[in-house]
Amino acid sequence: MSFFDHKRLPASLFQIDKNRIRKGWYTDAYFLNQIKILQHLADEGYRFSGTSDLEDVDCSNVDTGNIEVEMQIFTRRTPGSLIVGIDESLRILESCTGYYDKKGKWIDTYDHLEVWAAEDGVWLPYEGDPTYVKPVLKIRGRYREIGHLETAILGALAEPTRIATNVLNVLEACNGKDVMFFPARFVHYKMQAIGGYAFSLAVQAYNYRHGRKSSPIFVSTDAQGEFWNGKGGGTISHASICCFLGDSVETMLQFARILPLDYSRIALVDFHNDVVGDSKAILKAMFDKYLALKKQGQDTEAEKYRLLAVRPDTGSNMRDKSISPFGAKELDLGVNPRMVWNIREALDTAYLTWDLAPEDVEEARKYCRGVKISVTGGFDVHKIKLFESIKVPVDIYGVGSSLLSNCSKCGTNNDFTADIVRVKVDGSWHPLAKTGRRAAENPLLERIK
């Protein structure tokens, strides 16, 4: 599966569209043009008749149509990238290397390749010099049998690597606090599985980097957990509160009563633009149920009413009732630091206003102060860093569209490049690459049998 267990993912997970990949359906047309030329030259028996860049090498008998090349694939994101997509790239090579003969029959030549690959989940640094890169893949073979795969392989690497690296940056920004992966609604549904896989590797990479034994992996759809047998976790939505005619309390009580304990009890508290009021009302109702069941000796049933967290999701154009205007208007809108501090204070002190028996006060205090705050709505690395720098009491960050960011100005660009860096002449490999590029090494590459 990855650097963390040293197992490759099976081809069945990727559902490779091998027939159309083989035909170049997903390939940039200029690659297909070159392959057609090489195939034509191979059929003609053409031999190289131009002027070679390879000095002191006799190239007069080079079979250009069947030229063998060494291609290296790498990315250039500083200070580095968390690599994902290697296993899918290998499966593309395995099932789609070859060519169609004159009768239209597919000739598989995968066994003719030499392939070296890193593992999903490795961190590869890049310091800004394109002549010193760390290849994630090296492929040796006839160009006309692999050239049609470049576009598909680069795409299979680019998106999950970008997501994984963005997630890792978010985890670093929030100092390892739990992150909920919420970008499903911002991508085509067919991309959810690879995105969830990238997220899971980023969490494992953070744990590995910081010596943590485990950290929960929160995804929102089952598809996002497909590659690692994870399941989507869900809480309360605004739509569910609408179904209960705007009663946030009753919505949460029925959620807690009906759904099993493996669903996190996280209450959505911004429906009425009154996060403090709704938090306190839900907290009181949930505790009352919890306490009553505890006193009846129904401890397991009582746990269904233990509130894990409250979640404000206030729109960026809204000022919550708990926020009095102060300073720049934009500081008052959406989910902001003052709002979270207000919620924390309200949660921590709510029990002081309840009519409790003396023996129940300590139970109520622990219950209230054990409730976490989960924030969603426009969170990215920069906003999280701001919250963390001023010690806003957030426990869980829900992050969505920013994890998909692919912006060169923002430093989230993860485009991959494939360069030919060597060619084979008379049985020997010779360096040949465009100016500014050269063959590079990576000790993390392993030979694929």
Protein backbone atom coordinates (compact mmCIF):
# COMPACT_ATOMS: atom_id res chain seq x y z
CA MET A 1 0.00 0.00 0.00
CA SER A 2 2.67 2.52 0.92
CA PHE A 3 5.92 3.46 2.62
CA PHE A 4 4.16 2.60 5.89
CA ASP A 5 3.50 -1.08 5.15
CA HIS A 6 5.59 -1.70 1.98
CA LYS A 7 2.72 -3.30 0.07
CA ARG A 8 1.50 -2.32 -3.38
CA LEU A 9 -2.20 -1.73 -3.99
CA PRO A 10 -3.94 -4.26 -6.28
CA ALA A 11 -4.93 -3.25 -9.81
CA SER A 12 -8.60 -3.97 -9.07
CA LEU A 13 -8.87 -0.90 -6.84
CA PHE A 14 -8.06 1.48 -9.67
CA GLN A 15 -10.47 0.16 -12.29
CA ILE A 16 -7.97 1.03 -15.03
CA ASP A 17 -9.72 1.94 -18.30
CA LYS A 18 -7.10 -0.04 -20.16
CA ASN A 19 -8.79 -0.25 -23.54
CA ARG A 20 -9.10 3.50 -23.93
CA ILE A 21 -5.72 4.22 -22.38
CA ARG A 22 -4.12 1.86 -24.89
CA LYS A 23 -5.87 3.69 -27.73
CA GLY A 24 -4.68 7.09 -26.50
CA TRP A 25 -8.11 8.36 -25.45
CA TYR A 26 -6.60 10.14 -22.45
CA THR A 27 -3.31 11.10 -24.16
CA ASP A 28 -2.25 14.55 -25.30
CA ALA A 29 -2.41 14.40 -29.08
CA TYR A 30 1.18 15.47 -29.70
CA PHE A 31 2.41 12.31 -27.98
CA LEU A 32 0.20 10.25 -30.26
CA ASN A 33 1.58 12.07 -33.30
CA GLN A 34 5.11 11.11 -32.29
CA ILE A 35 4.13 7.49 -31.72
CA LYS A 36 2.55 7.32 -35.18
CA ILE A 37 5.78 8.65 -36.70
CA LEU A 38 7.91 6.13 -34.79
CA GLN A 39 5.64 3.25 -35.74
CA HIS A 40 5.81 4.29 -39.37
CA LEU A 41 9.61 4.50 -39.23
CA ALA A 42 9.81 1.09 -37.55
CA ASP A 43 7.70 -0.43 -40.34
CA GLU A 44 9.95 1.20 -42.96
CA GLY A 45 13.15 0.01 -41.34
CA TYR A 46 14.39 3.60 -41.17
CA ARG A 47 17.83 4.30 -39.71
CA PHE A 48 18.84 7.63 -38.20
CA SER A 49 20.20 10.02 -40.86
CA GLY A 50 20.44 13.30 -38.96
CA THR A 51 23.08 14.96 -36.78
CA SER A 52 23.28 13.44 -33.30
CA ASP A 53 23.95 15.31 -30.05
CA LEU A 54 25.84 12.24 -28.90
CA GLU A 55 29.42 13.15 -29.65
CA ASP A 56 31.86 10.33 -30.38
CA VAL A 57 29.03 7.82 -30.71
CA ASP A 58 28.28 6.21 -34.06
CA CYS A 59 24.53 6.70 -34.54
CA SER A 60 24.34 5.78 -38.22
CA ASN A 61 22.59 2.50 -37.52
CA VAL A 62 20.15 3.66 -34.84
CA ASP A 63 16.69 2.15 -35.35
CA THR A 64 14.79 5.36 -34.51
CA GLY A 65 11.36 3.77 -34.77
CA ASN A 66 12.29 1.35 -32.01
CA ILE A 67 14.45 3.74 -29.97
CA GLU A 68 14.78 2.72 -26.32
CA VAL A 69 14.75 5.54 -23.81
CA GLU A 70 15.05 6.13 -20.10
CA MET A 71 12.29 8.36 -18.81
CA GLN A 72 12.28 9.88 -15.32
CA ILE A 73 9.19 11.36 -13.68
CA PHE A 74 9.43 13.98 -10.94
CA THR A 75 7.70 16.96 -9.37
CA ARG A 76 9.09 20.35 -8.33
CA ARG A 77 7.22 21.66 -5.32
CA THR A 78 9.29 23.35 -2.65
CA PRO A 79 10.22 22.38 -0.04
CA GLY A 80 8.95 18.96 -1.04
CA SER A 81 6.02 16.68 -1.78
CA LEU A 82 4.29 13.74 -0.15
CA ILE A 83 4.11 11.37 -3.10
CA VAL A 84 0.90 9.49 -3.93
CA GLY A 85 -0.13 7.80 -7.18
CA ILE A 86 2.84 5.50 -7.69
CA ASP A 87 0.84 2.29 -7.38
CA GLU A 88 -1.78 3.45 -9.89
CA SER A 89 0.97 4.53 -12.29
CA LEU A 90 2.55 1.08 -12.04
CA ARG A 91 -0.80 -0.56 -12.78
CA ILE A 92 -1.20 1.66 -15.84
CA LEU A 93 2.21 0.56 -17.08
CA GLU A 94 1.43 -3.06 -16.32
CA SER A 95 -1.83 -3.16 -18.27
CA CYS A 96 -1.23 -0.61 -21.04
CA THR A 97 2.40 -0.91 -22.20
CA GLY A 98 2.58 -2.08 -25.82
CA TYR A 99 1.15 -1.30 -29.25
CA TYR A 100 -1.45 -2.36 -31.80
CA ASP A 101 -0.12 -4.35 -34.76
CA LYS A 102 -1.26 -3.87 -38.34
CA LYS A 103 -4.22 -6.18 -37.77
CA GLY A 104 -5.37 -4.15 -34.76
CA LYS A 105 -4.28 -6.75 -32.20
CA TRP A 106 -2.85 -5.45 -28.94
CA ILE A 107 0.75 -6.58 -28.37
CA ASP A 108 1.64 -6.42 -24.67
CA THR A 109 5.30 -5.53 -24.07
CA TYR A 110 5.26 -4.73 -20.36
CA ASP A 111 7.75 -7.52 -19.69
CA HIS A 112 10.28 -5.69 -21.87
CA LEU A 113 10.38 -2.70 -19.52
CA GLU A 114 12.79 -1.90 -16.73
CA VAL A 115 10.98 0.08 -14.02
CA TRP A 116 12.13 1.64 -10.76
CA ALA A 117 9.60 3.25 -8.44
CA ALA A 118 9.28 4.91 -5.06
CA GLU A 119 6.46 4.01 -2.69
CA ASP A 120 3.28 5.95 -2.04
CA GLY A 121 3.70 8.00 1.12
CA VAL A 122 7.38 8.94 0.74
CA TRP A 123 8.43 12.55 1.27
CA LEU A 124 10.68 13.88 -1.48
CA PRO A 125 12.42 17.23 -0.92
CA TYR A 126 13.02 19.77 -3.68
CA GLU A 127 15.22 22.82 -3.23
CA GLY A 128 14.36 24.63 -6.46
CA ASP A 129 17.01 23.36 -8.88
CA PRO A 130 15.45 21.31 -11.73
CA THR A 131 18.79 19.62 -12.38
CA TYR A 132 18.66 18.11 -8.88
CA VAL A 133 15.32 16.40 -8.63
CA LYS A 134 14.23 13.17 -6.95
CA PRO A 135 12.50 10.99 -9.55
CA VAL A 136 9.49 9.00 -8.34
CA LEU A 137 9.60 6.70 -11.37
CA LYS A 138 12.25 5.63 -13.87
CA ILE A 139 11.15 3.68 -16.94
CA ARG A 140 13.31 2.11 -19.62
CA GLY A 141 11.73 0.80 -22.81
CA ARG A 142 10.77 1.56 -26.39
CA TYR A 143 9.32 5.04 -26.50
CA ARG A 144 6.57 4.12 -28.96
CA GLU A 145 5.31 1.51 -26.49
CA ILE A 146 5.14 3.83 -23.46
CA GLY A 147 4.76 7.36 -24.88
CA HIS A 148 0.97 7.14 -24.93
CA LEU A 149 0.98 6.62 -21.13
CA GLU A 150 2.71 9.85 -20.12
CA THR A 151 -0.41 12.00 -19.78
CA ALA A 152 -2.33 9.43 -17.77
CA ILE A 153 0.57 8.67 -15.44
CA LEU A 154 1.37 12.33 -14.77
CA GLY A 155 -2.28 12.97 -13.94
CA ALA A 156 -2.46 9.89 -11.72
CA LEU A 157 0.44 11.32 -9.72
CA ALA A 158 -0.35 15.03 -9.72
CA GLU A 159 -3.74 15.21 -8.04
CA PRO A 160 -3.26 12.78 -5.12
CA THR A 161 0.26 14.10 -4.47
CA ARG A 162 -1.08 17.65 -4.35
CA ILE A 163 -3.88 16.68 -1.96
CA ALA A 164 -1.59 14.66 0.32
CA THR A 165 0.97 17.46 0.49
CA ASN A 166 -1.74 20.04 1.17
CA VAL A 167 -3.17 17.85 3.95
CA LEU A 168 0.25 17.35 5.51
CA ASN A 169 0.76 21.13 5.51
CA VAL A 170 -2.62 21.57 7.22
CA LEU A 171 -1.72 18.99 9.87
CA GLU A 172 1.53 20.80 10.53
CA ALA A 173 -0.33 24.12 10.75
CA CYS A 174 -2.84 22.82 13.29
CA ASN A 175 -0.15 21.11 15.36
CA GLY A 176 -1.53 17.64 14.85
CA LYS A 177 -5.10 18.36 15.91
CA ASP A 178 -7.73 16.20 14.26
CA VAL A 179 -8.68 17.18 10.71
CA MET A 180 -11.90 16.19 8.97
CA PHE A 181 -11.54 15.67 5.21
CA PHE A 182 -14.43 17.58 3.60
CA PRO A 183 -13.61 18.22 -0.09
CA ALA A 184 -15.95 15.57 -1.58
CA ARG A 185 -18.37 18.18 -2.91
CA PHE A 186 -15.62 20.04 -4.75
CA VAL A 187 -14.46 17.22 -7.04
CA HIS A 188 -16.04 14.80 -9.47
CA TYR A 189 -17.40 11.87 -7.47
CA LYS A 190 -15.09 9.43 -9.27
CA MET A 191 -12.12 11.19 -7.65
CA GLN A 192 -13.24 10.67 -4.06
CA ALA A 193 -11.44 7.37 -3.52
CA ILE A 194 -7.99 8.56 -4.57
CA GLY A 195 -8.48 11.78 -2.58
CA GLY A 196 -9.37 9.85 0.56
CA TYR A 197 -6.35 7.60 0.03
CA ALA A 198 -4.11 10.66 -0.26
CA PHE A 199 -5.61 12.04 2.95
CA SER A 200 -4.98 8.77 4.81
CA LEU A 201 -1.33 8.72 3.73
CA ALA A 202 -0.88 12.32 4.85
CA VAL A 203 -2.18 11.46 8.31
CA GLN A 204 0.16 8.46 8.49
CA ALA A 205 3.05 10.61 7.29
CA TYR A 206 2.37 13.19 9.99
CA ASN A 207 2.23 10.47 12.64
CA TYR A 208 5.49 8.97 11.34
CA ARG A 209 7.23 12.35 11.18
CA HIS A 210 6.26 13.23 14.75
CA GLY A 211 6.48 9.79 16.33
CA ARG A 212 2.77 9.53 17.07
CA LYS A 213 1.31 6.04 17.32
CA SER A 214 -2.04 6.90 15.78
CA SER A 215 -4.39 9.67 14.81
CA PRO A 216 -7.97 9.24 13.62
CA ILE A 217 -8.63 9.47 9.89
CA PHE A 218 -11.93 11.32 9.39
CA VAL A 219 -13.44 11.14 5.90
CA SER A 220 -16.97 12.12 4.94
CA THR A 221 -17.84 9.44 2.36
CA ASP A 222 -17.41 5.70 2.10
CA ALA A 223 -15.76 6.21 -1.30
CA GLN A 224 -12.99 8.21 0.34
CA GLY A 225 -12.19 5.20 2.50
CA GLU A 226 -12.30 2.65 -0.30
CA PHE A 227 -8.54 2.08 -0.66
CA TRP A 228 -8.01 1.38 3.04
CA ASN A 229 -11.41 -0.04 4.09
CA GLY A 230 -12.39 3.17 5.87
CA LYS A 231 -15.94 4.42 6.31
CA GLY A 232 -17.37 7.88 5.95
CA GLY A 233 -18.37 9.56 9.19
CA GLY A 234 -21.31 11.91 9.34
CA THR A 235 -22.78 14.29 11.84
CA ILE A 236 -25.65 16.78 11.62
CA SER A 237 -26.39 18.81 8.48
CA HIS A 238 -28.36 21.99 8.02
CA ALA A 239 -30.78 19.95 5.92
CA SER A 240 -31.47 17.60 8.83
CA ILE A 241 -32.34 20.57 11.07
CA CYS A 242 -34.75 21.76 8.38
CA CYS A 243 -36.42 18.34 8.48
CA PHE A 244 -37.00 18.97 12.20
CA LEU A 245 -38.51 22.37 11.41
CA GLY A 246 -35.50 24.28 12.69
CA ASP A 247 -35.29 22.54 16.07
CA SER A 248 -31.56 21.95 16.48
CA VAL A 249 -32.04 20.33 19.89
CA GLU A 250 -34.56 17.73 18.74
CA THR A 251 -32.43 17.01 15.67
CA MET A 252 -29.46 16.14 17.87
CA LEU A 253 -31.49 14.12 20.36
CA GLN A 254 -32.92 11.91 17.63
CA PHE A 255 -29.49 11.54 16.01
CA ALA A 256 -28.11 10.36 19.34
CA ARG A 257 -31.03 8.04 20.04
CA ILE A 258 -31.13 6.29 16.68
CA LEU A 259 -27.58 6.06 15.36
CA PRO A 260 -24.96 3.67 16.81
CA LEU A 261 -22.07 4.92 18.91
CA ASP A 262 -19.54 4.82 16.09
CA TYR A 263 -21.16 7.95 14.69
CA SER A 264 -19.61 10.98 16.34
CA ARG A 265 -22.04 13.10 18.33
CA ILE A 266 -21.11 16.48 16.88
CA ALA A 267 -23.85 19.10 16.96
CA LEU A 268 -24.20 21.77 14.26
CA VAL A 269 -24.88 25.01 16.10
CA ASP A 270 -25.06 27.88 13.58
CA PHE A 271 -28.54 27.27 12.09
CA HIS A 272 -30.05 30.28 13.87
CA ASN A 273 -26.86 32.37 13.72
CA ASP A 274 -26.67 31.95 17.50
CA VAL A 275 -23.84 29.54 18.17
CA VAL A 276 -23.71 30.17 21.91
CA GLY A 277 -27.46 29.86 22.42
CA ASP A 278 -27.77 26.68 20.34
CA SER A 279 -24.66 25.14 21.91
CA LYS A 280 -26.00 25.67 25.42
CA ALA A 281 -29.48 24.36 24.54
CA ILE A 282 -28.14 21.20 22.91
CA LEU A 283 -25.61 20.67 25.68
CA LYS A 284 -28.31 20.83 28.36
CA ALA A 285 -30.68 18.48 26.53
CA MET A 286 -27.98 15.93 25.82
CA PHE A 287 -26.67 16.01 29.40
CA ASP A 288 -30.14 15.57 30.87
CA LYS A 289 -30.64 12.40 28.82
CA TYR A 290 -27.14 11.21 29.67
CA LEU A 291 -27.55 11.75 33.38
CA ALA A 292 -31.00 10.13 33.56
CA LEU A 293 -29.77 6.98 31.85
CA LYS A 294 -26.65 6.85 34.04
CA LYS A 295 -28.82 6.95 37.16
CA GLN A 296 -30.90 4.10 35.76
CA GLY A 297 -27.73 2.02 35.38
CA GLN A 298 -27.90 2.14 31.58
CA ASP A 299 -24.31 3.23 31.05
CA THR A 300 -24.03 2.05 27.44
CA GLU A 301 -27.24 3.79 26.43
CA ALA A 302 -26.11 6.90 28.30
CA GLU A 303 -22.97 7.10 26.16
CA LYS A 304 -25.18 7.66 23.13
CA TYR A 305 -25.93 11.08 24.62
CA ARG A 306 -22.36 12.08 25.36
CA LEU A 307 -21.78 15.14 23.20
CA LEU A 308 -18.39 14.91 21.49
CA ALA A 309 -18.30 18.40 20.02
CA VAL A 310 -20.22 21.37 18.72
CA ARG A 311 -19.59 22.65 15.21
CA PRO A 312 -20.06 26.26 14.10
CA ASP A 313 -20.23 26.62 10.30
CA THR A 314 -21.24 30.27 10.04
CA GLY A 315 -21.24 31.73 6.52
CA SER A 316 -18.50 34.19 5.63
CA ASN A 317 -21.12 36.92 5.11
CA MET A 318 -22.72 36.47 8.54
CA ARG A 319 -22.00 37.96 11.96
CA ASP A 320 -23.11 35.64 14.73
CA LYS A 321 -25.32 36.97 17.54
CA SER A 322 -22.50 36.38 20.02
CA ILE A 323 -20.19 38.80 18.18
CA SER A 324 -20.45 42.49 18.86
CA PRO A 325 -18.96 44.68 16.07
CA PHE A 326 -15.30 45.29 16.70
CA GLY A 327 -12.57 46.64 14.43
CA ALA A 328 -12.47 45.53 10.80
CA LYS A 329 -15.79 44.09 9.67
CA GLU A 330 -14.20 40.99 8.11
CA LEU A 331 -12.84 39.98 11.53
CA ASP A 332 -16.41 39.67 12.81
CA LEU A 333 -17.79 37.50 10.01
CA GLY A 334 -17.90 33.74 9.60
CA VAL A 335 -16.21 31.45 12.09
CA ASN A 336 -13.74 33.71 13.86
CA PRO A 337 -11.57 33.55 17.00
CA ARG A 338 -13.91 35.57 19.22
CA MET A 339 -16.77 33.25 18.33
CA VAL A 340 -14.80 30.18 19.35
CA TRP A 341 -13.72 31.74 22.64
CA ASN A 342 -17.36 32.62 23.33
CA ILE A 343 -18.41 29.04 22.68
CA ARG A 344 -15.67 27.65 24.89
CA GLU A 345 -16.64 29.88 27.78
CA ALA A 346 -20.31 29.01 27.34
CA LEU A 347 -19.59 25.26 27.32
CA ASP A 348 -17.26 25.38 30.31
CA THR A 349 -19.65 27.36 32.51
CA ALA A 350 -23.07 26.13 31.36
CA TYR A 351 -23.52 23.70 34.26
CA LEU A 352 -23.28 26.55 36.76
CA THR A 353 -26.76 27.72 35.71
CA TRP A 354 -28.37 24.28 35.81
CA ASP A 355 -30.58 23.07 38.63
CA LEU A 356 -28.43 20.15 39.76
CA ALA A 357 -28.37 17.95 42.82
CA PRO A 358 -25.09 18.47 44.71
CA GLU A 359 -23.89 14.97 43.84
CA ASP A 360 -24.35 15.69 40.11
CA VAL A 361 -22.35 18.90 39.89
CA GLU A 362 -18.97 17.28 39.29
CA GLU A 363 -20.43 14.95 36.64
CA ALA A 364 -21.94 17.96 34.88
CA ARG A 365 -18.69 19.92 35.07
CA LYS A 366 -16.68 17.08 33.48
CA TYR A 367 -19.35 16.56 30.82
CA CYS A 368 -19.42 20.22 29.79
CA ARG A 369 -15.68 20.72 29.75
CA GLY A 370 -15.18 17.51 27.82
CA VAL A 371 -17.16 18.81 24.85
CA LYS A 372 -14.85 19.77 21.99
CA ILE A 373 -15.15 22.48 19.38
CA SER A 374 -15.01 21.50 15.71
CA VAL A 375 -14.85 24.35 13.21
CA THR A 376 -15.69 24.36 9.50
CA GLY A 377 -16.18 26.98 6.83
CA GLY A 378 -13.34 28.48 4.79
CA PHE A 379 -10.42 26.99 6.70
CA ASP A 380 -7.05 26.74 4.97
CA VAL A 381 -3.41 26.68 6.10
CA HIS A 382 -3.28 30.44 6.61
CA LYS A 383 -6.48 30.67 8.67
CA ILE A 384 -5.48 27.65 10.76
CA LYS A 385 -2.05 29.15 11.43
CA LEU A 386 -3.74 32.35 12.61
CA PHE A 387 -6.03 30.43 14.97
CA GLU A 388 -3.16 28.37 16.34
CA SER A 389 -0.82 31.36 16.75
CA ILE A 390 -3.29 33.06 19.10
CA LYS A 391 -4.30 29.78 20.77
CA VAL A 392 -7.95 29.75 19.75
CA PRO A 393 -9.45 26.71 21.56
CA VAL A 394 -10.28 24.64 18.48
CA ASP A 395 -10.06 20.87 18.84
CA ILE A 396 -11.01 19.69 15.34
CA TYR A 397 -10.65 21.44 11.98
CA GLY A 398 -12.92 20.53 9.08
CA VAL A 399 -11.17 21.46 5.84
CA GLY A 400 -12.58 21.27 2.33
CA SER A 401 -11.75 23.02 -0.92
CA SER A 402 -8.35 24.37 0.16
CA LEU A 403 -7.01 20.80 0.27
CA LEU A 404 -7.48 20.71 -3.52
CA SER A 405 -5.57 23.94 -4.15
CA ASN A 406 -3.24 23.86 -7.17
CA CYS A 407 -1.82 27.38 -7.23
CA SER A 408 1.77 28.22 -8.18
CA LYS A 409 1.57 31.59 -6.40
CA CYS A 410 0.29 29.87 -3.25
CA GLY A 411 2.95 27.17 -3.40
CA THR A 412 0.47 24.32 -3.78
CA ASN A 413 1.29 23.43 -7.39
CA ASN A 414 2.25 19.77 -7.83
CA ASP A 415 2.57 19.28 -11.57
CA PHE A 416 4.67 16.29 -12.58
CA THR A 417 7.11 16.18 -15.48
CA ALA A 418 8.40 13.25 -17.55
CA ASP A 419 11.79 13.74 -19.21
CA ILE A 420 13.78 11.45 -21.42
CA VAL A 421 17.28 11.55 -19.91
CA ARG A 422 19.07 8.64 -21.60
CA VAL A 423 18.85 6.74 -24.89
CA LYS A 424 20.16 3.32 -25.83
CA VAL A 425 22.60 3.04 -28.73
CA ASP A 426 24.27 -0.25 -29.67
CA GLY A 427 23.41 -1.77 -26.31
CA SER A 428 24.77 1.11 -24.20
CA TRP A 429 22.93 3.88 -22.40
CA HIS A 430 23.99 7.47 -23.14
CA PRO A 431 22.89 10.70 -21.41
CA LEU A 432 20.54 12.77 -23.58
CA ALA A 433 18.10 15.37 -22.29
CA LYS A 434 16.90 18.83 -23.09
CA THR A 435 19.05 21.68 -21.83
CA GLY A 436 18.51 22.28 -18.13
CA ARG A 437 17.63 18.68 -17.32
CA ARG A 438 19.71 15.61 -16.60
CA ALA A 439 19.40 12.11 -15.24
CA ALA A 440 18.93 12.20 -11.48
CA GLU A 441 19.04 9.56 -8.78
CA ASN A 442 16.83 8.71 -5.85
CA PRO A 443 17.88 6.10 -3.28
CA LEU A 444 14.19 5.46 -2.51
CA LEU A 445 13.57 3.94 -5.93
CA GLU A 446 13.25 0.17 -6.02
CA ARG A 447 13.32 -2.12 -9.03
CA ILE A 448 9.89 -3.43 -9.95
CA LYS A 449 10.06 -7.08 -10.91
